[in-house]
All heavy atoms as atom14 arrays in JSON, in Angstrom:
{
  "sequence": "HAPMAKLHVLARQLHRPDFDRELARVAEQRGVR",
  "atom14_mask": [
    [1, 1, 1, 1, 1, 1, 1, 1, 1, 1, 0, 0, 0, 0],
    [1, 1, 1, 1, 1, 0, 0, 0, 0, 0, 0, 0, 0, 0],
    [1, 1, 1, 1, 1, 1, 1, 0, 0, 0, 0, 0, 0, 0],
    [1, 1, 1, 1, 1, 1, 1, 1, 0, 0, 0, 0, 0, 0],
    [1, 1, 1, 1, 1, 0, 0, 0, 0, 0, 0, 0, 0, 0],
    [1, 1, 1, 1, 1, 1, 1, 1, 1, 0, 0, 0, 0, 0],
    [1, 1, 1, 1, 1, 1, 1, 1, 0, 0, 0, 0, 0, 0],
    [1, 1, 1, 1, 1, 1, 1, 1, 1, 1, 0, 0, 0, 0],
    [1, 1, 1, 1, 1, 1, 1, 0, 0, 0, 0, 0, 0, 0],
    [1, 1, 1, 1, 1, 1, 1, 1, 0, 0, 0, 0, 0, 0],
    [1, 1, 1, 1, 1, 0, 0, 0, 0, 0, 0, 0, 0, 0],
    [1, 1, 1, 1, 1, 1, 1, 1, 1, 1, 1, 0, 0, 0],
    [1, 1, 1, 1, 1, 1, 1, 1, 1, 0, 0, 0, 0, 0],
    [1, 1, 1, 1, 1, 1, 1, 1, 0, 0, 0, 0, 0, 0],
    [1, 1, 1, 1, 1, 1, 1, 1, 1, 1, 0, 0, 0, 0],
    [1, 1, 1, 1, 1, 1, 1, 1, 1, 1, 1, 0, 0, 0],
    [1, 1, 1, 1, 1, 1, 1, 0, 0, 0, 0, 0, 0, 0],
    [1, 1, 1, 1, 1, 1, 1, 1, 0, 0, 0, 0, 0, 0],
    [1, 1, 1, 1, 1, 1, 1, 1, 1, 1, 1, 0, 0, 0],
    [1, 1, 1, 1, 1, 1, 1, 1, 0, 0, 0, 0, 0, 0],
    [1, 1, 1, 1, 1, 1, 1, 1, 1, 1, 1, 0, 0, 0],
    [1, 1, 1, 1, 1, 1, 1, 1, 1, 0, 0, 0, 0, 0],
    [1, 1, 1, 1, 1, 1, 1, 1, 0, 0, 0, 0, 0, 0],
    [1, 1, 1, 1, 1, 0, 0, 0, 0, 0, 0, 0, 0, 0],
    [1, 1, 1, 1, 1, 1, 1, 1, 1, 1, 1, 0, 0, 0],
    [1, 1, 1, 1, 1, 1, 1, 0, 0, 0, 0, 0, 0, 0],
    [1, 1, 1, 1, 1, 0, 0, 0, 0, 0, 0, 0, 0, 0],
    [1, 1, 1, 1, 1, 1, 1, 1, 1, 0, 0, 0, 0, 0],
    [1, 1, 1, 1, 1, 1, 1, 1, 1, 0, 0, 0, 0, 0],
    [1, 1, 1, 1, 1, 1, 1, 1, 1, 1, 1, 0, 0, 0],
    [1, 1, 1, 1, 0, 0, 0, 0, 0, 0, 0, 0, 0, 0],
    [1, 1, 1, 1, 1, 1, 1, 0, 0, 0, 0, 0, 0, 0],
    [1, 1, 1, 1, 1, 1, 1, 1, 1, 1, 1, 0, 0, 0]
  ],
  "atom14_positions": [
    [[203.43, 228.11, 32.53], [202.14, 228.04, 33.22], [201.12, 227.27, 32.31], [200.9, 227.75, 31.21], [201.56, 229.4, 33.53], [202.6, 230.24, 34.32], [202.52, 230.31, 35.67], [203.66, 231.0, 33.98], [203.5, 231.07, 36.15], [204.25, 231.54, 35.11], [0.0, 0.0, 0.0], [0.0, 0.0, 0.0], [0.0, 0.0, 0.0], [0.0, 0.0, 0.0]],
    [[200.51, 226.25, 32.78], [199.63, 225.41, 31.98], [198.67, 224.79, 32.97], [198.86, 224.56, 34.08], [200.4, 224.43, 31.18], [0.0, 0.0, 0.0], [0.0, 0.0, 0.0], [0.0, 0.0, 0.0], [0.0, 0.0, 0.0], [0.0, 0.0, 0.0], [0.0, 0.0, 0.0], [0.0, 0.0, 0.0], [0.0, 0.0, 0.0], [0.0, 0.0, 0.0]],
    [[197.48, 224.34, 32.36], [196.52, 223.7, 33.23], [197.06, 222.34, 33.8], [197.72, 221.59, 33.03], [195.4, 223.4, 32.21], [195.51, 224.34, 31.12], [196.95, 224.54, 30.99], [0.0, 0.0, 0.0], [0.0, 0.0, 0.0], [0.0, 0.0, 0.0], [0.0, 0.0, 0.0], [0.0, 0.0, 0.0], [0.0, 0.0, 0.0], [0.0, 0.0, 0.0]],
    [[196.8, 222.09, 35.07], [197.4, 220.92, 35.62], [196.34, 219.79, 35.66], [196.7, 218.65, 35.9], [197.75, 221.14, 37.14], [198.76, 222.32, 37.26], [200.35, 221.82, 36.37], [200.87, 220.36, 37.36], [0.0, 0.0, 0.0], [0.0, 0.0, 0.0], [0.0, 0.0, 0.0], [0.0, 0.0, 0.0], [0.0, 0.0, 0.0], [0.0, 0.0, 0.0]],
    [[195.11, 220.14, 35.41], [194.0, 219.08, 35.4], [193.27, 219.09, 34.04], [193.42, 220.08, 33.32], [192.95, 219.29, 36.46], [0.0, 0.0, 0.0], [0.0, 0.0, 0.0], [0.0, 0.0, 0.0], [0.0, 0.0, 0.0], [0.0, 0.0, 0.0], [0.0, 0.0, 0.0], [0.0, 0.0, 0.0], [0.0, 0.0, 0.0], [0.0, 0.0, 0.0]],
    [[192.67, 218.01, 33.69], [191.88, 217.88, 32.45], [190.74, 218.92, 32.42], [189.98, 218.91, 33.44], [191.38, 216.41, 32.24], [190.76, 216.26, 30.9], [190.4, 214.73, 30.8], [189.76, 214.44, 29.51], [189.37, 213.07, 29.25], [0.0, 0.0, 0.0], [0.0, 0.0, 0.0], [0.0, 0.0, 0.0], [0.0, 0.0, 0.0], [0.0, 0.0, 0.0]],
    [[190.62, 219.74, 31.41], [189.6, 220.74, 31.39], [188.22, 220.04, 30.99], [188.28, 218.95, 30.45], [189.95, 221.69, 30.25], [191.3, 222.53, 30.54], [191.45, 223.51, 29.3], [191.25, 223.17, 31.86], [0.0, 0.0, 0.0], [0.0, 0.0, 0.0], [0.0, 0.0, 0.0], [0.0, 0.0, 0.0], [0.0, 0.0, 0.0], [0.0, 0.0, 0.0]],
    [[187.15, 220.75, 31.33], [185.82, 220.16, 31.24], [185.48, 220.06, 29.72], [184.95, 219.17, 29.13], [184.83, 221.0, 31.93], [183.35, 220.53, 31.69], [182.94, 219.38, 32.12], [182.29, 221.07, 31.06], [181.62, 219.22, 31.79], [181.36, 220.29, 31.14], [0.0, 0.0, 0.0], [0.0, 0.0, 0.0], [0.0, 0.0, 0.0], [0.0, 0.0, 0.0]],
    [[185.81, 221.17, 29.0], [185.66, 221.16, 27.49], [187.05, 221.19, 26.87], [187.83, 222.12, 27.15], [184.8, 222.48, 27.12], [184.73, 222.39, 25.55], [183.47, 222.41, 27.65], [0.0, 0.0, 0.0], [0.0, 0.0, 0.0], [0.0, 0.0, 0.0], [0.0, 0.0, 0.0], [0.0, 0.0, 0.0], [0.0, 0.0, 0.0], [0.0, 0.0, 0.0]],
    [[187.29, 220.21, 26.01], [188.64, 220.05, 25.48], [188.71, 220.79, 24.19], [187.86, 220.77, 23.33], [188.96, 218.55, 25.28], [188.86, 217.73, 26.62], [189.15, 216.3, 26.18], [189.96, 218.29, 27.56], [0.0, 0.0, 0.0], [0.0, 0.0, 0.0], [0.0, 0.0, 0.0], [0.0, 0.0, 0.0], [0.0, 0.0, 0.0], [0.0, 0.0, 0.0]],
    [[189.94, 221.39, 23.99], [190.27, 221.96, 22.69], [191.05, 220.86, 21.92], [191.52, 219.89, 22.36], [191.1, 223.2, 22.92], [0.0, 0.0, 0.0], [0.0, 0.0, 0.0], [0.0, 0.0, 0.0], [0.0, 0.0, 0.0], [0.0, 0.0, 0.0], [0.0, 0.0, 0.0], [0.0, 0.0, 0.0], [0.0, 0.0, 0.0], [0.0, 0.0, 0.0]],
    [[191.29, 221.19, 20.65], [191.94, 220.18, 19.71], [192.95, 220.89, 18.91], [192.82, 222.05, 18.42], [190.94, 219.57, 18.79], [189.88, 218.7, 19.59], [190.45, 217.33, 19.75], [189.45, 216.47, 20.57], [189.72, 215.27, 20.9], [190.77, 214.55, 20.46], [188.85, 214.59, 21.67], [0.0, 0.0, 0.0], [0.0, 0.0, 0.0], [0.0, 0.0, 0.0]],
    [[194.04, 220.28, 18.55], [194.98, 220.65, 17.54], [194.27, 220.3, 16.22], [193.53, 219.27, 16.18], [196.32, 219.9, 17.66], [197.06, 220.05, 19.01], [197.64, 221.48, 19.17], [197.64, 222.31, 18.28], [198.12, 221.82, 20.4], [0.0, 0.0, 0.0], [0.0, 0.0, 0.0], [0.0, 0.0, 0.0], [0.0, 0.0, 0.0], [0.0, 0.0, 0.0]],
    [[194.53, 221.05, 15.21], [193.76, 220.92, 14.06], [194.58, 220.72, 12.76], [195.56, 221.44, 12.55], [192.93, 222.22, 13.81], [191.69, 221.98, 12.97], [190.68, 221.06, 13.58], [191.0, 223.34, 12.79], [0.0, 0.0, 0.0], [0.0, 0.0, 0.0], [0.0, 0.0, 0.0], [0.0, 0.0, 0.0], [0.0, 0.0, 0.0], [0.0, 0.0, 0.0]],
    [[194.36, 219.62, 12.09], [194.93, 219.46, 10.81], [193.97, 219.99, 9.71], [192.99, 219.45, 9.34], [195.07, 217.99, 10.56], [195.85, 217.66, 9.31], [195.31, 217.78, 7.99], [197.15, 217.24, 8.99], [196.13, 217.47, 7.12], [197.27, 217.13, 7.66], [0.0, 0.0, 0.0], [0.0, 0.0, 0.0], [0.0, 0.0, 0.0], [0.0, 0.0, 0.0]],
    [[194.17, 221.34, 9.3], [193.29, 222.05, 8.58], [192.82, 221.31, 7.27], [191.59, 221.22, 6.95], [193.78, 223.36, 8.24], [193.44, 224.46, 9.35], [192.0, 224.74, 9.52], [191.41, 225.16, 8.24], [191.46, 226.41, 7.8], [192.02, 227.34, 8.66], [190.88, 226.73, 6.7], [0.0, 0.0, 0.0], [0.0, 0.0, 0.0], [0.0, 0.0, 0.0]],
    [[193.74, 220.77, 6.39], [193.19, 220.21, 5.12], [192.24, 218.96, 5.48], [191.23, 219.0, 4.78], [194.55, 219.75, 4.46], [195.54, 220.66, 4.97], [195.25, 220.92, 6.43], [0.0, 0.0, 0.0], [0.0, 0.0, 0.0], [0.0, 0.0, 0.0], [0.0, 0.0, 0.0], [0.0, 0.0, 0.0], [0.0, 0.0, 0.0], [0.0, 0.0, 0.0]],
    [[192.59, 218.21, 6.4], [191.73, 217.11, 6.76], [190.46, 217.52, 7.26], [189.31, 217.08, 6.89], [192.44, 216.19, 7.82], [191.63, 215.01, 8.18], [191.43, 214.01, 7.4], [191.07, 215.08, 9.22], [0.0, 0.0, 0.0], [0.0, 0.0, 0.0], [0.0, 0.0, 0.0], [0.0, 0.0, 0.0], [0.0, 0.0, 0.0], [0.0, 0.0, 0.0]],
    [[190.42, 218.54, 8.12], [189.25, 219.01, 8.8], [188.38, 219.72, 7.72], [187.15, 219.56, 7.75], [189.53, 219.99, 10.01], [188.42, 220.44, 10.76], [187.66, 219.68, 11.58], [187.88, 221.73, 10.44], [186.58, 220.03, 12.25], [186.68, 222.18, 11.11], [186.09, 221.31, 12.05], [0.0, 0.0, 0.0], [0.0, 0.0, 0.0], [0.0, 0.0, 0.0]],
    [[188.95, 220.6, 6.9], [188.16, 221.27, 5.85], [187.44, 220.41, 5.01], [186.27, 220.56, 4.61], [189.07, 222.21, 5.04], [189.54, 223.33, 5.8], [189.32, 223.41, 7.08], [190.05, 224.28, 5.25], [0.0, 0.0, 0.0], [0.0, 0.0, 0.0], [0.0, 0.0, 0.0], [0.0, 0.0, 0.0], [0.0, 0.0, 0.0], [0.0, 0.0, 0.0]],
    [[188.03, 219.2, 4.6], [187.43, 218.19, 3.68], [186.2, 217.61, 4.44], [185.19, 217.46, 3.77], [188.35, 217.21, 3.27], [189.35, 217.67, 2.21], [190.16, 216.54, 1.64], [190.97, 215.88, 2.71], [192.27, 216.15, 2.93], [192.87, 217.22, 2.18], [193.02, 215.55, 3.81], [0.0, 0.0, 0.0], [0.0, 0.0, 0.0], [0.0, 0.0, 0.0]],
    [[186.43, 217.34, 5.72], [185.37, 216.61, 6.52], [184.11, 217.6, 6.67], [182.97, 217.23, 6.61], [185.84, 216.13, 7.82], [184.81, 215.44, 8.66], [184.19, 214.13, 8.11], [184.78, 213.7, 7.09], [183.19, 213.73, 8.63], [0.0, 0.0, 0.0], [0.0, 0.0, 0.0], [0.0, 0.0, 0.0], [0.0, 0.0, 0.0], [0.0, 0.0, 0.0]],
    [[184.5, 218.91, 6.99], [183.36, 219.9, 7.14], [182.62, 219.93, 5.86], [181.28, 220.07, 5.91], [183.97, 221.24, 7.56], [183.1, 222.41, 7.53], [181.9, 222.25, 8.63], [183.78, 223.76, 7.81], [0.0, 0.0, 0.0], [0.0, 0.0, 0.0], [0.0, 0.0, 0.0], [0.0, 0.0, 0.0], [0.0, 0.0, 0.0], [0.0, 0.0, 0.0]],
    [[183.25, 220.12, 4.65], [182.53, 220.13, 3.43], [181.68, 218.81, 3.19], [180.56, 218.99, 2.71], [183.47, 220.3, 2.23], [0.0, 0.0, 0.0], [0.0, 0.0, 0.0], [0.0, 0.0, 0.0], [0.0, 0.0, 0.0], [0.0, 0.0, 0.0], [0.0, 0.0, 0.0], [0.0, 0.0, 0.0], [0.0, 0.0, 0.0], [0.0, 0.0, 0.0]],
    [[182.2, 217.67, 3.54], [181.56, 216.4, 3.39], [180.24, 216.44, 4.22], [179.13, 216.02, 3.8], [182.41, 215.27, 3.72], [181.71, 213.93, 3.46], [182.47, 212.74, 4.07], [182.25, 212.81, 5.59], [181.17, 212.37, 6.19], [180.14, 211.86, 5.48], [181.14, 212.32, 7.41], [0.0, 0.0, 0.0], [0.0, 0.0, 0.0], [0.0, 0.0, 0.0]],
    [[180.33, 216.94, 5.5], [179.16, 216.92, 6.39], [178.16, 217.9, 5.83], [176.94, 217.7, 5.93], [179.61, 217.29, 7.83], [178.37, 217.6, 8.67], [180.4, 216.15, 8.4], [0.0, 0.0, 0.0], [0.0, 0.0, 0.0], [0.0, 0.0, 0.0], [0.0, 0.0, 0.0], [0.0, 0.0, 0.0], [0.0, 0.0, 0.0], [0.0, 0.0, 0.0]],
    [[178.6, 219.12, 5.38], [177.64, 220.14, 4.82], [176.84, 219.4, 3.69], [175.64, 219.66, 3.5], [178.45, 221.33, 4.47], [0.0, 0.0, 0.0], [0.0, 0.0, 0.0], [0.0, 0.0, 0.0], [0.0, 0.0, 0.0], [0.0, 0.0, 0.0], [0.0, 0.0, 0.0], [0.0, 0.0, 0.0], [0.0, 0.0, 0.0], [0.0, 0.0, 0.0]],
    [[177.57, 218.84, 2.79], [176.96, 218.32, 1.62], [175.97, 217.14, 1.95], [174.92, 216.99, 1.37], [178.0, 217.73, 0.6], [178.75, 218.83, -0.17], [179.65, 218.41, -1.19], [180.82, 217.84, -0.78], [179.38, 218.44, -2.34], [0.0, 0.0, 0.0], [0.0, 0.0, 0.0], [0.0, 0.0, 0.0], [0.0, 0.0, 0.0], [0.0, 0.0, 0.0]],
    [[176.45, 216.42, 2.99], [175.56, 215.31, 3.45], [174.19, 215.85, 4.06], [173.15, 215.27, 3.86], [176.19, 214.48, 4.5], [175.52, 213.21, 4.9], [176.41, 212.46, 5.92], [176.8, 212.97, 6.99], [176.67, 211.11, 5.57], [0.0, 0.0, 0.0], [0.0, 0.0, 0.0], [0.0, 0.0, 0.0], [0.0, 0.0, 0.0], [0.0, 0.0, 0.0]],
    [[174.2, 217.1, 4.52], [173.04, 217.71, 5.12], [172.14, 218.3, 4.01], [171.06, 218.69, 4.16], [173.37, 218.79, 5.98], [173.89, 218.3, 7.38], [174.18, 219.42, 8.36], [174.58, 219.02, 9.83], [173.74, 218.6, 10.67], [172.45, 218.54, 10.38], [174.21, 218.19, 11.79], [0.0, 0.0, 0.0], [0.0, 0.0, 0.0], [0.0, 0.0, 0.0]],
    [[172.68, 218.42, 2.75], [171.97, 218.99, 1.65], [172.48, 220.2, 0.95], [171.95, 220.66, 0.02], [0.0, 0.0, 0.0], [0.0, 0.0, 0.0], [0.0, 0.0, 0.0], [0.0, 0.0, 0.0], [0.0, 0.0, 0.0], [0.0, 0.0, 0.0], [0.0, 0.0, 0.0], [0.0, 0.0, 0.0], [0.0, 0.0, 0.0], [0.0, 0.0, 0.0]],
    [[173.61, 220.7, 1.41], [174.26, 221.8, 0.81], [174.81, 221.39, -0.5], [175.52, 220.26, -0.64], [175.42, 222.44, 1.69], [176.2, 223.53, 0.9], [174.79, 222.95, 2.96], [0.0, 0.0, 0.0], [0.0, 0.0, 0.0], [0.0, 0.0, 0.0], [0.0, 0.0, 0.0], [0.0, 0.0, 0.0], [0.0, 0.0, 0.0], [0.0, 0.0, 0.0]],
    [[174.7, 222.13, -1.52], [175.24, 221.71, -2.89], [176.47, 222.54, -3.11], [176.58, 223.76, -2.79], [174.19, 222.17, -3.97], [174.55, 221.7, -5.32], [173.38, 221.82, -6.31], [173.7, 221.28, -7.59], [172.74, 220.9, -8.46], [171.55, 221.16, -8.12], [173.14, 220.34, -9.57], [0.0, 0.0, 0.0], [0.0, 0.0, 0.0], [0.0, 0.0, 0.0]]
  ]
}
C-alpha cells in the first residue's frame, strides 16, 4: 500500500552526513558561532 499520486508536500530520503554539514553551514552563515 503506497500513495498513487504525487503528494502536495514531499518528503525526502536523507543523507545525514551531507545534510548535517549543510545545516551547520547555514546556521553559521546566519551568525551562529
